[in-house]
Structure formats: C-alpha cells, structure tokens
Protein backbone atom coordinates (compact mmCIF):
# COMPACT_ATOMS: atom_id res chain seq x y z
CA MET A 1 237.18 -44.29 82.20
CA GLY A 2 239.17 -43.69 79.05
CA GLY A 3 241.48 -40.77 78.55
CA GLY A 4 239.04 -38.89 76.24
CA ASN A 5 236.18 -38.93 78.63
CA PHE A 6 237.50 -36.78 81.42
CA LEU A 7 236.24 -33.49 79.76
CA PRO A 8 232.99 -31.99 80.80
CA PRO A 9 230.00 -32.75 78.60
CA GLY A 10 229.62 -29.12 77.40
CA LEU A 11 233.25 -28.87 76.41
CA ARG A 12 233.13 -32.18 74.61
CA ALA A 13 230.17 -30.98 72.47
CA ALA A 14 231.91 -27.73 71.50
CA THR A 15 235.08 -29.54 70.63
CA ALA A 16 233.20 -31.99 68.37
CA TRP A 17 231.43 -29.14 66.58
CA GLN A 18 234.74 -27.32 65.97
CA ALA A 19 236.25 -30.52 64.63
CA LYS A 20 233.41 -30.89 62.14
CA ILE A 21 233.84 -27.29 61.04
CA CYS A 22 237.55 -27.79 60.55
CA LEU A 23 236.86 -30.85 58.45
CA PHE A 24 234.25 -28.96 56.30
CA LEU A 25 236.44 -25.93 55.58
CA PRO A 26 238.96 -27.75 53.37
CA VAL A 27 236.06 -29.26 51.40
CA LEU A 28 234.50 -25.81 50.92
CA ALA A 29 237.84 -24.37 49.84
CA LEU A 30 238.32 -27.16 47.35
CA ALA A 31 234.83 -26.61 45.90
CA ARG A 32 235.51 -22.88 45.51
CA ALA A 33 238.83 -23.60 43.83
CA ARG A 34 237.19 -25.94 41.38
CA ALA A 35 234.46 -23.41 40.63
CA ARG A 36 237.03 -20.70 39.95
CA ALA A 37 239.00 -23.10 37.79
CA ARG A 38 235.89 -23.67 35.67
CA LEU A 39 235.18 -19.93 35.35
CA LEU A 40 238.67 -18.70 34.57
CA PRO A 41 239.30 -20.81 31.42
CA ALA A 42 235.96 -19.72 29.97
CA LYS A 43 236.92 -16.07 30.43
CA ARG A 44 240.38 -16.64 29.02
CA GLU A 45 239.20 -18.64 25.98
CA ARG A 46 236.41 -16.20 24.99
CA PRO A 47 238.82 -13.73 23.28
CA ALA A 48 240.46 -16.67 21.53
CA LEU A 49 237.07 -17.74 20.22
CA ASN A 50 236.32 -14.24 19.00
CA ALA A 51 239.52 -14.11 16.97
CA PRO A 52 238.49 -16.76 14.44
CA ARG A 53 235.13 -15.04 14.05
CA LEU A 54 236.86 -11.81 13.14
CA MET A 55 239.23 -13.62 10.84
CA PHE A 56 236.43 -15.49 8.99
CA LYS A 57 234.02 -12.56 8.83
CA SER A 58 235.05 -11.47 5.31
CA PRO A 59 234.83 -14.94 3.68
CA ILE A 60 231.44 -15.62 5.27
CA SER A 61 230.07 -12.26 4.08
CA GLY A 62 231.46 -12.99 0.62
CA ARG A 63 229.71 -16.36 0.55
CA ILE A 64 226.46 -14.66 1.52
CA SER A 65 226.70 -11.85 -1.15
CA TRP A 66 227.05 -14.22 -4.16
CA PRO A 67 223.75 -16.03 -3.56
CA LEU A 68 222.11 -12.65 -3.11
CA ALA A 69 223.56 -11.44 -6.39
CA PHE A 70 222.41 -14.57 -8.21
CA THR A 71 218.96 -14.12 -6.74
CA LEU A 72 218.75 -10.53 -7.98
CA ILE A 73 219.98 -11.56 -11.45
CA ALA A 74 217.40 -14.35 -11.62
CA LEU A 75 214.68 -11.92 -10.54
CA ILE A 76 215.67 -9.39 -13.20
CA LEU A 77 215.76 -12.10 -15.88
CA ALA A 78 212.34 -13.34 -14.82
CA ILE A 79 210.86 -9.85 -15.02
CA THR A 80 212.45 -9.32 -18.45
CA VAL A 81 211.07 -12.62 -19.75
CA ILE A 82 207.61 -11.77 -18.45
CA ILE A 83 207.67 -8.36 -20.16
CA ILE A 84 208.91 -9.83 -23.45
CA PHE A 85 206.34 -12.61 -23.31
CA SER A 86 203.57 -10.12 -22.64
CA ARG A 87 204.65 -7.95 -25.58
CA VAL A 88 204.94 -10.95 -27.88
CA GLU A 89 201.60 -12.30 -26.78
CA THR A 90 199.79 -9.02 -27.46
CA TRP A 91 201.77 -8.23 -30.63
CA PRO A 92 199.38 -9.97 -33.06
CA ALA A 93 196.37 -8.12 -31.67
CA ARG A 94 198.16 -4.77 -31.71
CA THR A 95 199.49 -5.38 -35.19
CA ALA A 96 196.08 -6.46 -36.42
CA ARG A 97 194.47 -3.30 -35.06
CA GLN A 98 197.12 -1.08 -36.62
CA SER A 99 196.96 -3.00 -39.91
CA THR A 100 193.17 -2.77 -40.06
CA VAL A 101 193.21 0.98 -39.51
CA GLU A 102 195.92 1.45 -42.12
CA LEU A 103 194.13 -0.77 -44.65
CA GLU A 104 190.85 1.07 -44.13
CA ARG A 105 192.65 4.34 -44.76
CA LEU A 106 194.02 2.92 -48.01
CA GLY A 107 190.52 1.77 -48.93
CA LYS A 108 189.19 5.32 -48.56
CA ASP A 109 192.10 6.68 -50.60
CA LEU A 110 191.44 4.15 -53.37
CA ARG A 111 187.77 5.03 -53.40
CA ALA A 112 188.60 8.72 -53.72
CA ALA A 113 191.14 8.00 -56.45
CA PHE A 114 188.69 6.03 -58.60
CA ILE A 115 185.96 8.58 -58.07
CA ASP A 116 188.37 11.25 -59.25
CA ILE A 117 189.75 9.24 -62.17
CA ALA A 118 186.71 7.29 -63.37
CA HIS A 119 183.77 8.84 -61.50
CA LEU A 120 182.86 5.52 -59.89
CA GLN A 121 183.16 3.78 -56.56
CA PRO A 122 184.61 0.29 -56.99
CA ARG A 123 183.94 -2.74 -54.87
CA ILE A 124 186.63 -2.79 -52.15
CA THR A 125 187.50 -5.73 -49.90
CA ILE A 126 189.98 -5.71 -47.01
CA ASN A 127 191.45 -9.13 -46.17
CA ASN A 128 188.60 -10.80 -48.10
CA ARG A 129 186.01 -8.79 -46.16
CA VAL A 130 183.78 -6.44 -48.12
CA TYR A 131 184.50 -2.88 -47.08
CA MET A 132 182.68 -0.95 -49.83
CA GLU A 133 180.29 -2.01 -52.57
CA GLN A 134 180.25 -0.58 -56.05
CA THR A 135 177.48 1.99 -56.03
CA THR A 136 177.84 3.78 -59.36
CA PRO A 137 177.07 1.57 -62.38
CA VAL A 138 179.67 2.48 -65.00
CA SER A 139 180.27 0.25 -68.00
CA GLN A 140 183.53 1.77 -69.20
CA LEU A 141 186.58 3.40 -67.71
CA VAL A 142 188.35 5.61 -70.21
CA VAL A 143 191.96 6.19 -69.20
CA LEU A 144 193.68 7.46 -72.33
CA SER A 145 192.71 9.27 -75.54
CA ARG A 146 194.86 9.79 -78.61
CA ARG A 147 194.52 11.54 -81.93
CA ILE A 148 194.74 9.10 -84.86
CA GLU A 149 195.05 10.11 -88.49
CA VAL A 150 194.46 7.71 -91.37
CA GLU A 151 194.13 7.85 -95.15
CA HIS A 152 192.43 5.58 -97.61
CA GLU A 153 192.28 5.61 -101.38
CA PHE A 154 189.78 3.94 -103.68
CA LEU A 155 190.68 3.35 -107.33
CA HIS A 156 188.51 1.50 -109.83
CA THR A 157 188.87 1.12 -113.60
CA TRP A 158 186.19 -0.16 -115.97
CA VAL A 159 186.53 -0.35 -119.71
CA GLY A 160 189.39 2.06 -119.68
CA SER A 161 187.63 4.56 -117.46
CA SER A 162 188.99 5.10 -113.94
CA LYS A 163 187.49 6.67 -110.87
CA ARG A 164 189.44 7.60 -107.77
CA VAL A 165 188.57 8.68 -104.25
CA LYS A 166 191.12 9.50 -101.55
CA LEU A 167 190.08 10.47 -98.03
CA HIS A 168 191.98 11.63 -94.94
CA GLY A 169 190.34 11.10 -91.57
CA THR A 170 191.17 12.38 -88.09
CA PHE A 171 189.82 10.36 -85.17
CA ILE A 172 190.03 10.36 -81.38
CA ALA A 173 190.76 6.86 -80.12
CA LYS A 174 189.81 6.08 -76.51
CA ALA A 175 191.49 3.30 -74.57
CA GLY A 176 190.39 1.98 -71.20
CA PHE A 177 188.57 -0.82 -69.46
CA ASP A 178 185.22 -2.48 -69.95
CA LEU A 179 183.74 -2.72 -66.47
CA GLN A 180 180.68 -4.82 -67.25
CA GLN A 181 182.33 -7.59 -65.21
CA ASN A 182 182.77 -5.08 -62.38
CA LEU A 183 185.87 -3.58 -60.85
CA SER A 184 187.06 -4.93 -57.51
CA ILE A 185 189.91 -4.03 -55.20
CA ASP A 186 191.35 -6.38 -52.58
CA ILE A 187 193.51 -4.68 -49.96
CA ARG A 188 195.93 -6.98 -48.15
CA PRO A 189 198.80 -6.22 -45.76
CA GLU A 190 201.37 -7.43 -48.28
CA GLU A 191 199.85 -5.93 -51.46
CA ILE A 192 196.88 -4.21 -53.08
CA VAL A 193 195.26 -6.13 -55.92
CA VAL A 194 193.03 -4.30 -58.40
CA GLN A 195 191.06 -6.80 -60.49
CA LEU A 196 189.71 -5.65 -63.83
CA PRO A 197 189.69 -6.77 -67.48
CA HIS A 198 192.51 -5.95 -69.87
CA ALA A 199 192.50 -2.49 -71.40
CA GLN A 200 191.15 -2.18 -74.91
CA ILE A 201 190.08 0.36 -77.48
CA LEU A 202 186.70 1.49 -76.29
CA GLY A 203 185.90 3.58 -79.34
CA VAL A 204 187.06 5.94 -82.05
CA GLU A 205 185.28 9.20 -82.66
CA GLN A 206 185.47 10.98 -85.97
CA ALA A 207 186.85 14.46 -85.65
CA GLN A 208 187.35 15.46 -89.28
CA VAL A 209 187.34 13.98 -92.80
CA ASP A 210 189.13 15.61 -95.71
CA VAL A 211 188.68 14.65 -99.36
CA LEU A 212 192.09 14.58 -100.95
CA ALA A 213 190.95 13.21 -104.32
CA PHE A 214 187.56 12.84 -106.01
CA GLU A 215 187.97 11.89 -109.66
CA ASN A 216 185.28 10.45 -111.96
CA GLY A 217 185.86 8.57 -115.15
CA LEU A 218 184.07 9.31 -118.43
CA TRP A 219 181.60 6.49 -117.97
CA ASN A 220 182.83 5.14 -114.65
CA ARG A 221 181.29 7.51 -112.15
CA ILE A 222 181.71 7.61 -108.37
CA SER A 223 178.55 6.42 -106.71
CA GLY A 224 177.16 7.13 -103.28
CA GLN A 225 177.88 3.54 -102.36
CA ASP A 226 181.54 4.02 -103.24
CA LEU A 227 181.75 7.09 -101.10
CA GLN A 228 179.91 5.44 -98.20
CA GLY A 229 182.28 2.48 -98.35
CA GLU A 230 185.27 4.76 -98.15
CA LEU A 231 183.83 6.70 -95.23
CA SER A 232 183.12 3.49 -93.30
CA ALA A 233 186.63 2.18 -93.92
CA LEU A 234 188.28 5.13 -92.17
CA PRO A 235 187.12 4.27 -88.57
CA GLN A 236 188.22 0.68 -89.00
CA LEU A 237 191.65 1.85 -90.09
CA ALA A 238 191.81 4.21 -87.13
CA TRP A 239 190.83 1.40 -84.73
CA LYS A 240 193.47 -0.92 -86.14
CA LYS A 241 196.13 1.77 -86.00
CA ALA A 242 195.32 2.54 -82.36
CA VAL A 243 195.70 -1.13 -81.40
CA GLU A 244 198.95 -1.51 -83.32
CA SER A 245 200.36 1.60 -81.69
CA GLY A 246 200.06 -0.07 -78.27
CA LEU A 247 197.39 2.25 -76.93
CA PRO A 248 195.68 -0.40 -74.69
CA ALA A 249 198.96 -1.40 -73.05
CA GLU A 250 199.75 2.25 -72.51
CA ALA A 251 196.33 2.70 -70.88
CA GLU A 252 197.16 -0.06 -68.38
CA ARG A 253 200.47 1.57 -67.54
CA THR A 254 198.76 4.94 -67.22
CA LEU A 255 196.21 3.61 -64.74
CA GLN A 256 198.99 1.96 -62.71
CA ARG A 257 200.96 5.21 -62.64
CA GLN A 258 197.95 7.32 -61.69
CA LEU A 259 197.09 5.04 -58.77
CA ASP A 260 200.70 4.91 -57.55
CA GLU A 261 201.01 8.68 -57.70
CA ARG A 262 197.71 9.15 -55.92
CA LEU A 263 198.05 6.59 -53.13
CA HIS A 264 201.74 6.34 -52.08
CA ALA A 265 200.85 3.03 -50.39
CA PRO A 266 203.57 1.21 -48.38
CA GLN A 267 202.74 -2.10 -50.06
CA PRO A 268 202.90 -2.61 -53.84
CA LEU A 269 199.82 -2.11 -55.98
CA ARG A 270 199.24 -4.69 -58.68
CA LEU A 271 196.75 -4.76 -61.53
CA SER A 272 195.31 -8.24 -61.96
CA PHE A 273 193.47 -8.90 -65.22
CA LYS A 274 190.54 -11.29 -65.18
CA ASP A 275 190.96 -12.49 -68.75
CA GLN A 276 193.94 -13.39 -70.88
CA GLN A 277 192.59 -12.02 -74.16
CA LYS A 278 194.83 -9.94 -76.35
CA HIS A 279 194.29 -6.22 -76.55
CA GLU A 280 191.65 -5.40 -79.10
C-alpha cells in the first residue's frame, strides 16, 4: 500500500473535506476583496461628482432663465398684438356708429335752425341717405331787409313851357333765396353742404313817397300819366340800388353766419349754390 493509504477511512474523508475548505477560503476572501474594491471607489468618487454639479449650478440656471424670459416676452407681445388687432378691426364699426349718432344730432340742429330762421324744414340727407324730407312748402327765404331811399325827377319842356316833378321814395328791400328749386342739406363727416340758389332781391316794398317838386307850365301841364310814370320808376330805382349795394351777397354771408352761430358743428359748413347766375 502507498504511504497515503494507511489512515482510516473516516479520517481520510475528514481530511479531504478540510482541504477543500482551506482551498475555498482564499477564493472567498479574494471575492470579498474585489467586491469591497468596487464599492469603495464609488463611495469616494460620489463627492467628487457632486462638486461639478454645484459648480455648474449657476450657469445651468442662467441658461434656463433666458428662454423663460424670451417666452414671457413673446407671450406679452402676442397678447398686445391681439388686443391692437381687435381694436383696429372694430374701429370702423365703432367710428361709424359714433359718426352716425353725431351726424343725426347735427341734422336735428339744422332742422331746428331753419325752422327758427325761415319757418321751414329742409330736405336733409346724411351720407347720401335721406334723413328728413322737406315738409313745409316755402317759395322764398328772406334773410335780410334794408331801407332804401331813392329820388327821381321828371322835367319836360314844350314850346317854352316846362313842367317838373320830383319824387322821393322810401322802400324796404328784401334779400334772400328763391326756394322753388328746393333747399337740401347733405351732412357728411368731413363737411356740411347746404345746397340752395344764389341770394337775390326778393322784393321792394314802398314805405313812403314824398313829392319834392310839382311844377306845371303855362300850357304844358303835368298829366296823370306823367305822375304814374314817375311813381313806377321809384321801385325800379330802389331795386337797382339794392343790388348795387351788395345786398344779395350780404344775405348769403348773413345766412352762413347765422348757421355757424347756431350749430357750432365740428366740421365746416359750406353753402353750395346750384346756379352760377349773378345776383339780381
């Protein structure tokens, strides 16, 4: 038998088991050492990894705040643009409503002014839309009256005999507008246009006639026809004098002034004459 076989069987089994254990222990110790080696560097490097995070915390937060600020600015600008667009989009409608109300108020004021001045209601349009029709048929609008004094002398000689008549007449000349072609008013946002014919002398009324001279000749006597001719000449002279004195033009200025003083409109009021005839 060999030298290793002299031990009893039970002892040989125990010795083999102890040998295996002794061989396994170094392996177990090596595995534990390797496991600890893997755990210790992780624990030691974790604070080192935290340091860069702390160091770069401020720059990262700064990079995050700028996009947020730009987003807020863009949001504010978008809201502002939407509000402005909404106001601009609804501005024509709001302006139209306000303009219509204001123009209708002016139309009522113009109606009241003409009723007060001329006792008539003119035809009124607002933006080419009929607002009021002329209801009171009036043929003339008298704006201005003036006292006119004239004199005329008649002298006739026949066969050495002379007759002479001299008269002095006082008349009331009336200037205004002939409204047979109607009076219309067009109210627009930029201006108010009153259309009517040019002013003219509407009539002269005799107030008084004085005889300054009434002289008959010996055989050349003053006849009724002579006297009637002289009396009929006085109104014509008064009419002509009223025109030459600029009474129709003054009537147009008077109507313009009366309307301006009565209305106080924000837009200008303009008289537009339908014809281009000279004042008569």
